[in-house]
Structure formats: structure tokens, C-alpha cells
Amino acid sequence: MRALNTFLAVIVAILVVLFAVSNRAPVVVEIWPFPYQLELGLYAVILLAVFVGFVTGIIAAWLSGGKRRRELRALRKEARDLQASLARANALSASKDVPLR
């Protein structure tokens, strides 16, 4: 599996380099409310947009999983409490030599 991941990463890296070399034309990027202009390569603008979209998607996925993470924390706490209760019951029955059913 690790070899497959490495292979795919190399293929993606090669494709990104080929894309960057093929799209070197300069473009002027204006950020509307600000009076700034940037002259960047077309590849930089596109790769930056893809990166921003990727990060936005990661954040959205993390935020949408909040309810599930909260439920898992509650279930883990309940399991720990039940294990502690069972351990106390076992210790109590061992001290009285009464088997639990």
C-alpha cells in the first residue's frame, strides 16, 4: 500500500510540474476592494485556487464531524465509567468471596 501511495504521489507531482511548465503566461490578479495588483504565472493562480479550495473543504469536513466526535467522546467516557464500576463490583465480590452471576 505504501508503494502505491508513493507511486501516486510521484505521478501527481509530475503532472503538477508539467502543468506549471505549460501555463507560465503571466496574468494580472486584482483583489477587488484593495488597490493592489499582482502579476503571477497562470499556474500559480490556478494552483493557489485549488489549494484554497482544498483547505476550505478540509475545514468544512472537520466542522461537520463535530457532532460525531462529541458523541464518541461521550460513549468513551461511558465505557470508562462502566469498566470502573465493573472493577469495583469485582473487587467487592472478591473481598466477600461471593461469585458474580
Foldseek 3Di string as FASTA:
>chain_A
DVVVVVVVVVVVVVVLVVVCVVFQDWDWDDDPVDPDIDIGTPSVVVVVVVVVVVVVVVVVVVVVCPVVVVVVVVVVVVVVVVVVVVVVVVVVCVVVVHDDD
